[in-house]
Amino acid sequence: VRAFRENARAVLRLREQAGGLDAYLWGFVDGTPIINEFTALAEIPAKTPLAEELSTDLHKRGFGFVGPVIVYAYMQSVGLVNDHVVDCFRYPGH
């Protein structure tokens, strides 16, 4: 519960510092989703170096409960990263 409250405060600070949470997050991928080309679910990582970098930066900005695995899952869920396998109907171009 404490992390929820502190994260809300950190999001408000990001509004002033980076134009909001969305602008901050999309800045990590230069405004373009990362589209991976995995052929099997087993290839999809639990975290990446970019997720570790973002996690570290979020911690510095006062966010809590934002380890690299959680951050990577969030990156996938909001569309920063597309990890659908290439034969999935959700993969771009299908």
PDB file of N, CA and C in Angstrom:
ATOM      1  N   VAL A   1       0.840  -1.188   0.000  1.00  0.00           N
ATOM      2  CA  VAL A   1       0.000   0.000   0.000  1.00  0.00           C
ATOM      3  C   VAL A   1       0.885   1.251   0.000  1.00  0.00           C
ATOM      4  N   ARG A   2       1.971   1.201   0.743  1.00  0.00           N
ATOM      5  CA  ARG A   2       2.880   2.348   0.783  1.00  0.00           C
ATOM      6  C   ARG A   2       3.436   2.650  -0.611  1.00  0.00           C
ATOM      7  N   ALA A   3       3.824   1.597  -1.350  1.00  0.00           N
ATOM      8  CA  ALA A   3       4.370   1.795  -2.695  1.00  0.00           C
ATOM      9  C   ALA A   3       3.322   2.408  -3.613  1.00  0.00           C
ATOM     10  N   PHE A   4       2.073   2.002  -3.468  1.00  0.00           N
ATOM     11  CA  PHE A   4       0.998   2.567  -4.286  1.00  0.00           C
ATOM     12  C   PHE A   4       0.910   4.076  -4.086  1.00  0.00           C
ATOM     13  N   ARG A   5       0.949   4.493  -2.833  1.00  0.00           N
ATOM     14  CA  ARG A   5       0.865   5.926  -2.503  1.00  0.00           C
ATOM     15  C   ARG A   5       2.088   6.682  -3.004  1.00  0.00           C
ATOM     16  N   GLU A   6       3.267   6.133  -2.767  1.00  0.00           N
ATOM     17  CA  GLU A   6       4.501   6.797  -3.197  1.00  0.00           C
ATOM     18  C   GLU A   6       4.609   6.841  -4.721  1.00  0.00           C
ATOM     19  N   ASN A   7       4.150   5.786  -5.372  1.00  0.00           N
ATOM     20  CA  ASN A   7       4.182   5.778  -6.834  1.00  0.00           C
ATOM     21  C   ASN A   7       3.248   6.847  -7.400  1.00  0.00           C
ATOM     22  N   ALA A   8       2.108   7.048  -6.775  1.00  0.00           N
ATOM     23  CA  ALA A   8       1.188   8.102  -7.228  1.00  0.00           C
ATOM     24  C   ALA A   8       1.858   9.470  -7.105  1.00  0.00           C
ATOM     25  N   ARG A   9       2.547   9.688  -6.021  1.00  0.00           N
ATOM     26  CA  ARG A   9       3.276  10.954  -5.860  1.00  0.00           C
ATOM     27  C   ARG A   9       4.379  11.100  -6.906  1.00  0.00           C
ATOM     28  N   ALA A  10       5.070  10.010  -7.179  1.00  0.00           N
ATOM     29  CA  ALA A  10       6.137  10.048  -8.175  1.00  0.00           C
ATOM     30  C   ALA A  10       5.576  10.336  -9.569  1.00  0.00           C
ATOM     31  N   VAL A  11       4.409   9.800  -9.876  1.00  0.00           N
ATOM     32  CA  VAL A  11       3.767  10.085 -11.165  1.00  0.00           C
ATOM     33  C   VAL A  11       3.448  11.570 -11.260  1.00  0.00           C
ATOM     34  N   LEU A  12       2.974  12.164 -10.183  1.00  0.00           N
ATOM     35  CA  LEU A  12       2.682  13.606 -10.191  1.00  0.00           C
ATOM     36  C   LEU A  12       3.957  14.414 -10.420  1.00  0.00           C
ATOM     37  N   ARG A  13       5.065  13.988  -9.824  1.00  0.00           N
ATOM     38  CA  ARG A  13       6.336  14.683 -10.056  1.00  0.00           C
ATOM     39  C   ARG A  13       6.769  14.552 -11.516  1.00  0.00           C
ATOM     40  N   LEU A  14       6.522  13.383 -12.113  1.00  0.00           N
ATOM     41  CA  LEU A  14       6.889  13.180 -13.515  1.00  0.00           C
ATOM     42  C   LEU A  14       6.120  14.113 -14.439  1.00  0.00           C
ATOM     43  N   ARG A  15       4.933  14.490 -14.034  1.00  0.00           N
ATOM     44  CA  ARG A  15       4.152  15.427 -14.844  1.00  0.00           C
ATOM     45  C   ARG A  15       4.923  16.728 -15.032  1.00  0.00           C
ATOM     46  N   GLU A  16       5.582  17.170 -13.979  1.00  0.00           N
ATOM     47  CA  GLU A  16       6.359  18.416 -14.036  1.00  0.00           C
ATOM     48  C   GLU A  16       7.728  18.201 -14.677  1.00  0.00           C
ATOM     49  N   GLN A  17       8.365  17.083 -14.385  1.00  0.00           N
ATOM     50  CA  GLN A  17       9.738  16.842 -14.825  1.00  0.00           C
ATOM     51  C   GLN A  17       9.850  16.342 -16.263  1.00  0.00           C
ATOM     52  N   ALA A  18       8.894  15.537 -16.701  1.00  0.00           N
ATOM     53  CA  ALA A  18       9.045  14.871 -17.999  1.00  0.00           C
ATOM     54  C   ALA A  18       7.801  14.959 -18.875  1.00  0.00           C
ATOM     55  N   GLY A  19       6.833  15.751 -18.469  1.00  0.00           N
ATOM     56  CA  GLY A  19       5.621  15.867 -19.266  1.00  0.00           C
ATOM     57  C   GLY A  19       4.606  14.771 -19.011  1.00  0.00           C
ATOM     58  N   GLY A  20       4.819  13.966 -18.001  1.00  0.00           N
ATOM     59  CA  GLY A  20       3.887  12.900 -17.644  1.00  0.00           C
ATOM     60  C   GLY A  20       4.520  11.534 -17.754  1.00  0.00           C
ATOM     61  N   LEU A  21       3.830  10.568 -17.184  1.00  0.00           N
ATOM     62  CA  LEU A  21       4.334   9.198 -17.177  1.00  0.00           C
ATOM     63  C   LEU A  21       4.451   8.642 -18.591  1.00  0.00           C
ATOM     64  N   ASP A  22       3.474   8.920 -19.436  1.00  0.00           N
ATOM     65  CA  ASP A  22       3.525   8.378 -20.794  1.00  0.00           C
ATOM     66  C   ASP A  22       4.720   8.916 -21.574  1.00  0.00           C
ATOM     67  N   ALA A  23       4.951  10.208 -21.500  1.00  0.00           N
ATOM     68  CA  ALA A  23       6.098  10.804 -22.205  1.00  0.00           C
ATOM     69  C   ALA A  23       7.409  10.252 -21.662  1.00  0.00           C
ATOM     70  N   TYR A  24       7.487  10.101 -20.370  1.00  0.00           N
ATOM     71  CA  TYR A  24       8.680   9.548 -19.728  1.00  0.00           C
ATOM     72  C   TYR A  24       8.948   8.135 -20.232  1.00  0.00           C
ATOM     73  N   LEU A  25       7.922   7.272 -20.198  1.00  0.00           N
ATOM     74  CA  LEU A  25       8.096   5.885 -20.612  1.00  0.00           C
ATOM     75  C   LEU A  25       8.445   5.771 -22.089  1.00  0.00           C
ATOM     76  N   TRP A  26       7.709   6.489 -22.946  1.00  0.00           N
ATOM     77  CA  TRP A  26       7.966   6.400 -24.383  1.00  0.00           C
ATOM     78  C   TRP A  26       9.342   6.956 -24.745  1.00  0.00           C
ATOM     79  N   GLY A  27       9.886   7.817 -23.906  1.00  0.00           N
ATOM     80  CA  GLY A  27      11.237   8.321 -24.137  1.00  0.00           C
ATOM     81  C   GLY A  27      12.290   7.219 -24.085  1.00  0.00           C
ATOM     82  N   PHE A  28      12.002   6.158 -23.359  1.00  0.00           N
ATOM     83  CA  PHE A  28      12.954   5.050 -23.259  1.00  0.00           C
ATOM     84  C   PHE A  28      13.025   4.221 -24.541  1.00  0.00           C
ATOM     85  N   VAL A  29      12.012   4.348 -25.414  1.00  0.00           N
ATOM     86  CA  VAL A  29      12.020   3.606 -26.684  1.00  0.00           C
ATOM     87  C   VAL A  29      11.939   4.573 -27.866  1.00  0.00           C
ATOM     88  N   ASP A  30      12.299   5.822 -27.629  1.00  0.00           N
ATOM     89  CA  ASP A  30      12.283   6.864 -28.661  1.00  0.00           C
ATOM     90  C   ASP A  30      10.942   6.964 -29.374  1.00  0.00           C
ATOM     91  N   GLY A  31       9.859   6.722 -28.634  1.00  0.00           N
ATOM     92  CA  GLY A  31       8.519   6.890 -29.177  1.00  0.00           C
ATOM     93  C   GLY A  31       8.045   5.786 -30.102  1.00  0.00           C
ATOM     94  N   THR A  32       8.840   4.745 -30.267  1.00  0.00           N
ATOM     95  CA  THR A  32       8.499   3.659 -31.187  1.00  0.00           C
ATOM     96  C   THR A  32       8.547   2.323 -30.440  1.00  0.00           C
ATOM     97  N   PRO A  33       7.478   1.532 -30.518  1.00  0.00           N
ATOM     98  CA  PRO A  33       7.498   0.233 -29.823  1.00  0.00           C
ATOM     99  C   PRO A  33       8.630  -0.667 -30.327  1.00  0.00           C
ATOM    100  N   ILE A  34       9.184  -1.418 -29.428  1.00  0.00           N
ATOM    101  CA  ILE A  34      10.174  -2.439 -29.775  1.00  0.00           C
ATOM    102  C   ILE A  34       9.394  -3.674 -30.197  1.00  0.00           C
ATOM    103  N   ILE A  35       9.601  -4.123 -31.421  1.00  0.00           N
ATOM    104  CA  ILE A  35       8.903  -5.303 -31.918  1.00  0.00           C
ATOM    105  C   ILE A  35       9.917  -6.425 -32.056  1.00  0.00           C
ATOM    106  N   ASN A  36       9.822  -7.376 -31.150  1.00  0.00           N
ATOM    107  CA  ASN A  36      10.738  -8.516 -31.170  1.00  0.00           C
ATOM    108  C   ASN A  36      10.231  -9.576 -32.139  1.00  0.00           C
ATOM    109  N   GLU A  37      11.104 -10.461 -32.540  1.00  0.00           N
ATOM    110  CA  GLU A  37      10.767 -11.496 -33.520  1.00  0.00           C
ATOM    111  C   GLU A  37      10.998 -12.882 -32.928  1.00  0.00           C
ATOM    112  N   PHE A  38      10.327 -13.152 -31.837  1.00  0.00           N
ATOM    113  CA  PHE A  38      10.465 -14.455 -31.196  1.00  0.00           C
ATOM    114  C   PHE A  38       9.618 -15.477 -31.930  1.00  0.00           C
ATOM    115  N   THR A  39      10.129 -16.694 -32.029  1.00  0.00           N
ATOM    116  CA  THR A  39       9.390 -17.762 -32.695  1.00  0.00           C
ATOM    117  C   THR A  39       8.772 -18.749 -31.715  1.00  0.00           C
ATOM    118  N   ALA A  40       9.143 -18.648 -30.429  1.00  0.00           N
ATOM    119  CA  ALA A  40       8.604 -19.542 -29.402  1.00  0.00           C
ATOM    120  C   ALA A  40       8.463 -18.773 -28.092  1.00  0.00           C
ATOM    121  N   LEU A  41       7.462 -19.136 -27.328  1.00  0.00           N
ATOM    122  CA  LEU A  41       7.243 -18.468 -26.041  1.00  0.00           C
ATOM    123  C   LEU A  41       8.452 -18.577 -25.125  1.00  0.00           C
ATOM    124  N   ALA A  42       9.166 -19.666 -25.215  1.00  0.00           N
ATOM    125  CA  ALA A  42      10.343 -19.882 -24.361  1.00  0.00           C
ATOM    126  C   ALA A  42      11.442 -18.855 -24.618  1.00  0.00           C
ATOM    127  N   GLU A  43      11.406 -18.188 -25.753  1.00  0.00           N
ATOM    128  CA  GLU A  43      12.427 -17.186 -26.083  1.00  0.00           C
ATOM    129  C   GLU A  43      12.161 -15.832 -25.410  1.00  0.00           C
ATOM    130  N   ILE A  44      10.950 -15.601 -24.980  1.00  0.00           N
ATOM    131  CA  ILE A  44      10.589 -14.299 -24.428  1.00  0.00           C
ATOM    132  C   ILE A  44      11.219 -14.156 -23.043  1.00  0.00           C
ATOM    133  N   PRO A  45      12.017 -13.112 -22.847  1.00  0.00           N
ATOM    134  CA  PRO A  45      12.711 -12.956 -21.564  1.00  0.00           C
ATOM    135  C   PRO A  45      11.779 -12.428 -20.473  1.00  0.00           C
ATOM    136  N   ALA A  46      12.172 -12.659 -19.235  1.00  0.00           N
ATOM    137  CA  ALA A  46      11.433 -12.106 -18.100  1.00  0.00           C
ATOM    138  C   ALA A  46      11.824 -10.654 -17.856  1.00  0.00           C
ATOM    139  N   LYS A  47      13.025 -10.291 -18.282  1.00  0.00           N
ATOM    140  CA  LYS A  47      13.519  -8.917 -18.145  1.00  0.00           C
ATOM    141  C   LYS A  47      14.567  -8.687 -19.219  1.00  0.00           C
ATOM    142  N   THR A  48      14.852  -7.428 -19.460  1.00  0.00           N
ATOM    143  CA  THR A  48      15.859  -7.055 -20.456  1.00  0.00           C
ATOM    144  C   THR A  48      16.751  -5.966 -19.864  1.00  0.00           C
ATOM    145  N   PRO A  49      17.871  -5.677 -20.499  1.00  0.00           N
ATOM    146  CA  PRO A  49      18.701  -4.565 -20.024  1.00  0.00           C
ATOM    147  C   PRO A  49      17.931  -3.237 -20.002  1.00  0.00           C
ATOM    148  N   LEU A  50      17.045  -3.019 -20.966  1.00  0.00           N
ATOM    149  CA  LEU A  50      16.250  -1.798 -20.968  1.00  0.00           C
ATOM    150  C   LEU A  50      15.308  -1.751 -19.768  1.00  0.00           C
ATOM    151  N   ALA A  51      14.709  -2.883 -19.428  1.00  0.00           N
ATOM    152  CA  ALA A  51      13.842  -2.937 -18.248  1.00  0.00           C
ATOM    153  C   ALA A  51      14.640  -2.682 -16.976  1.00  0.00           C
ATOM    154  N   GLU A  52      15.863  -3.175 -16.934  1.00  0.00           N
ATOM    155  CA  GLU A  52      16.724  -2.919 -15.774  1.00  0.00           C
ATOM    156  C   GLU A  52      17.070  -1.437 -15.684  1.00  0.00           C
ATOM    157  N   GLU A  53      17.354  -0.815 -16.826  1.00  0.00           N
ATOM    158  CA  GLU A  53      17.654   0.626 -16.849  1.00  0.00           C
ATOM    159  C   GLU A  53      16.446   1.438 -16.397  1.00  0.00           C
ATOM    160  N   LEU A  54      15.282   1.104 -16.909  1.00  0.00           N
ATOM    161  CA  LEU A  54      14.060   1.811 -16.528  1.00  0.00           C
ATOM    162  C   LEU A  54      13.747   1.592 -15.054  1.00  0.00           C
ATOM    163  N   SER A  55      13.900   0.375 -14.578  1.00  0.00           N
ATOM    164  CA  SER A  55      13.674   0.063 -13.169  1.00  0.00           C
ATOM    165  C   SER A  55      14.570   0.900 -12.264  1.00  0.00           C
ATOM    166  N   THR A  56      15.837   0.984 -12.618  1.00  0.00           N
ATOM    167  CA  THR A  56      16.788   1.776 -11.836  1.00  0.00           C
ATOM    168  C   THR A  56      16.383   3.241 -11.806  1.00  0.00           C
ATOM    169  N   ASP A  57      15.981   3.766 -12.961  1.00  0.00           N
ATOM    170  CA  ASP A  57      15.583   5.168 -13.031  1.00  0.00           C
ATOM    171  C   ASP A  57      14.302   5.422 -12.237  1.00  0.00           C
ATOM    172  N   LEU A  58      13.365   4.500 -12.313  1.00  0.00           N
ATOM    173  CA  LEU A  58      12.123   4.650 -11.538  1.00  0.00           C
ATOM    174  C   LEU A  58      12.424   4.679 -10.038  1.00  0.00           C
ATOM    175  N   HIS A  59      13.319   3.793  -9.593  1.00  0.00           N
ATOM    176  CA  HIS A  59      13.717   3.790  -8.177  1.00  0.00           C
ATOM    177  C   HIS A  59      14.317   5.141  -7.786  1.00  0.00           C
ATOM    178  N   LYS A  60      15.176   5.689  -8.635  1.00  0.00           N
ATOM    179  CA  LYS A  60      15.797   6.988  -8.343  1.00  0.00           C
ATOM    180  C   LYS A  60      14.752   8.091  -8.247  1.00  0.00           C
ATOM    181  N   ARG A  61      13.647   7.936  -8.961  1.00  0.00           N
ATOM    182  CA  ARG A  61      12.591   8.944  -8.965  1.00  0.00           C
ATOM    183  C   ARG A  61      11.565   8.723  -7.853  1.00  0.00           C
ATOM    184  N   GLY A  62      11.811   7.734  -6.987  1.00  0.00           N
ATOM    185  CA  GLY A  62      10.951   7.524  -5.836  1.00  0.00           C
ATOM    186  C   GLY A  62       9.889   6.455  -5.989  1.00  0.00           C
ATOM    187  N   PHE A  63       9.912   5.711  -7.077  1.00  0.00           N
ATOM    188  CA  PHE A  63       8.942   4.632  -7.268  1.00  0.00           C
ATOM    189  C   PHE A  63       9.375   3.415  -6.472  1.00  0.00           C
ATOM    190  N   GLY A  64       8.417   2.626  -6.041  1.00  0.00           N
ATOM    191  CA  GLY A  64       8.696   1.393  -5.334  1.00  0.00           C
ATOM    192  C   GLY A  64       7.997   0.231  -6.012  1.00  0.00           C
ATOM    193  N   PHE A  65       8.448  -0.970  -5.713  1.00  0.00           N
ATOM    194  CA  PHE A  65       7.880  -2.198  -6.264  1.00  0.00           C
ATOM    195  C   PHE A  65       7.966  -2.179  -7.787  1.00  0.00           C
ATOM    196  N   VAL A  66       9.120  -1.769  -8.297  1.00  0.00           N
ATOM    197  CA  VAL A  66       9.326  -1.649  -9.740  1.00  0.00           C
ATOM    198  C   VAL A  66      10.640  -2.328 -10.140  1.00  0.00           C
ATOM    199  N   GLY A  67      10.752  -3.604  -9.812  1.00  0.00           N
ATOM    200  CA  GLY A  67      11.918  -4.363 -10.236  1.00  0.00           C
ATOM    201  C   GLY A  67      11.875  -4.601 -11.737  1.00  0.00           C
ATOM    202  N   PRO A  68      12.968  -5.055 -12.320  1.00  0.00           N
ATOM    203  CA  PRO A  68      13.037  -5.200 -13.774  1.00  0.00           C
ATOM    204  C   PRO A  68      12.043  -6.195 -14.366  1.00  0.00           C
ATOM    205  N   VAL A  69      11.657  -7.226 -13.633  1.00  0.00           N
ATOM    206  CA  VAL A  69      10.676  -8.187 -14.156  1.00  0.00           C
ATOM    207  C   VAL A  69       9.297  -7.531 -14.225  1.00  0.00           C
ATOM    208  N   ILE A  70       8.919  -6.842 -13.169  1.00  0.00           N
ATOM    209  CA  ILE A  70       7.639  -6.129 -13.160  1.00  0.00           C
ATOM    210  C   ILE A  70       7.635  -5.036 -14.214  1.00  0.00           C
ATOM    211  N   VAL A  71       8.724  -4.318 -14.318  1.00  0.00           N
ATOM    212  CA  VAL A  71       8.820  -3.240 -15.307  1.00  0.00           C
ATOM    213  C   VAL A  71       8.707  -3.803 -16.720  1.00  0.00           C
ATOM    214  N   TYR A  72       9.358  -4.937 -16.989  1.00  0.00           N
ATOM    215  CA  TYR A  72       9.268  -5.505 -18.332  1.00  0.00           C
ATOM    216  C   TYR A  72       7.842  -5.951 -18.644  1.00  0.00           C
ATOM    217  N   ALA A  73       7.179  -6.560 -17.688  1.00  0.00           N
ATOM    218  CA  ALA A  73       5.779  -6.955 -17.893  1.00  0.00           C
ATOM    219  C   ALA A  73       4.916  -5.718 -18.163  1.00  0.00           C
ATOM    220  N   TYR A  74       5.190  -4.638 -17.470  1.00  0.00           N
ATOM    221  CA  TYR A  74       4.454  -3.397 -17.700  1.00  0.00           C
ATOM    222  C   TYR A  74       4.754  -2.846 -19.095  1.00  0.00           C
ATOM    223  N   MET A  75       6.015  -2.889 -19.495  1.00  0.00           N
ATOM    224  CA  MET A  75       6.391  -2.429 -20.834  1.00  0.00           C
ATOM    225  C   MET A  75       5.627  -3.216 -21.906  1.00  0.00           C
ATOM    226  N   GLN A  76       5.463  -4.507 -21.684  1.00  0.00           N
ATOM    227  CA  GLN A  76       4.704  -5.338 -22.618  1.00  0.00           C
ATOM    228  C   GLN A  76       3.222  -4.936 -22.596  1.00  0.00           C
ATOM    229  N   SER A  77       2.682  -4.725 -21.419  1.00  0.00           N
ATOM    230  CA  SER A  77       1.239  -4.473 -21.304  1.00  0.00           C
ATOM    231  C   SER A  77       0.816  -3.126 -21.866  1.00  0.00           C
ATOM    232  N   VAL A  78       1.704  -2.138 -21.853  1.00  0.00           N
ATOM    233  CA  VAL A  78       1.326  -0.814 -22.368  1.00  0.00           C
ATOM    234  C   VAL A  78       1.803  -0.586 -23.800  1.00  0.00           C
ATOM    235  N   GLY A  79       2.432  -1.587 -24.400  1.00  0.00           N
ATOM    236  CA  GLY A  79       2.787  -1.496 -25.803  1.00  0.00           C
ATOM    237  C   GLY A  79       4.165  -0.951 -26.120  1.00  0.00           C
ATOM    238  N   LEU A  80       5.003  -0.731 -25.113  1.00  0.00           N
ATOM    239  CA  LEU A  80       6.370  -0.301 -25.392  1.00  0.00           C
ATOM    240  C   LEU A  80       7.153  -1.420 -26.068  1.00  0.00           C
ATOM    241  N   VAL A  81       6.783  -2.655 -25.742  1.00  0.00           N
ATOM    242  CA  VAL A  81       7.441  -3.836 -26.279  1.00  0.00           C
ATOM    243  C   VAL A  81       6.361  -4.779 -26.799  1.00  0.00           C
ATOM    244  N   ASN A  82       6.550  -5.290 -28.009  1.00  0.00           N
ATOM    245  CA  ASN A  82       5.643  -6.296 -28.555  1.00  0.00           C
ATOM    246  C   ASN A  82       6.394  -7.612 -28.576  1.00  0.00           C
ATOM    247  N   ASP A  83       6.009  -8.511 -27.695  1.00  0.00           N
ATOM    248  CA  ASP A  83       6.667  -9.808 -27.591  1.00  0.00           C
ATOM    249  C   ASP A  83       5.785 -10.947 -28.087  1.00  0.00           C
ATOM    250  N   HIS A  84       4.767 -10.651 -28.899  1.00  0.00           N
ATOM    251  CA  HIS A  84       3.982 -11.726 -29.486  1.00  0.00           C
ATOM    252  C   HIS A  84       4.886 -12.519 -30.427  1.00  0.00           C
ATOM    253  N   VAL A  85       4.778 -13.830 -30.383  1.00  0.00           N
ATOM    254  CA  VAL A  85       5.584 -14.638 -31.300  1.00  0.00           C
ATOM    255  C   VAL A  85       5.127 -14.355 -32.730  1.00  0.00           C
ATOM    256  N   VAL A  86       6.022 -14.569 -33.680  1.00  0.00           N
ATOM    257  CA  VAL A  86       5.771 -14.144 -35.058  1.00  0.00           C
ATOM    258  C   VAL A  86       4.560 -14.810 -35.704  1.00  0.00           C
ATOM    259  N   ASP A  87       4.154 -15.984 -35.240  1.00  0.00           N
ATOM    260  CA  ASP A  87       2.980 -16.625 -35.841  1.00  0.00           C
ATOM    261  C   ASP A  87       1.686 -16.331 -35.076  1.00  0.00           C
ATOM    262  N   CYS A  88       1.739 -15.436 -34.108  1.00  0.00           N
ATOM    263  CA  CYS A  88       0.549 -15.030 -33.349  1.00  0.00           C
ATOM    264  C   CYS A  88      -0.278 -14.042 -34.183  1.00  0.00           C
ATOM    265  N   PHE A  89      -1.589 -14.132 -34.087  1.00  0.00           N
ATOM    266  CA  PHE A  89      -2.446 -13.201 -34.825  1.00  0.00           C
ATOM    267  C   PHE A  89      -2.265 -11.757 -34.377  1.00  0.00           C
ATOM    268  N   ARG A  90      -1.705 -11.531 -33.199  1.00  0.00           N
ATOM    269  CA  ARG A  90      -1.469 -10.189 -32.684  1.00  0.00           C
ATOM    270  C   ARG A  90      -0.129  -9.610 -33.134  1.00  0.00           C
ATOM    271  N   TYR A  91       0.681 -10.408 -33.795  1.00  0.00           N
ATOM    272  CA  TYR A  91       1.974  -9.934 -34.267  1.00  0.00           C
ATOM    273  C   TYR A  91       1.733  -8.978 -35.437  1.00  0.00           C
ATOM    274  N   PRO A  92       2.461  -7.866 -35.486  1.00  0.00           N
ATOM    275  CA  PRO A  92       2.260  -6.895 -36.581  1.00  0.00           C
ATOM    276  C   PRO A  92       2.422  -7.556 -37.949  1.00  0.00           C
ATOM    277  N   GLY A  93       1.521  -7.218 -38.851  1.00  0.00           N
ATOM    278  CA  GLY A  93       1.589  -7.751 -40.199  1.00  0.00           C
ATOM    279  C   GLY A  93       0.740  -8.985 -40.421  1.00  0.00           C
ATOM    280  N   HIS A  94       0.122  -9.489 -39.359  1.00  0.00           N
ATOM    281  CA  HIS A  94      -0.757 -10.673 -39.528  1.00  0.00           C
ATOM    282  C   HIS A  94      -2.169 -10.238 -39.679  1.00  0.00           C
TER     283      HIS A  94
END
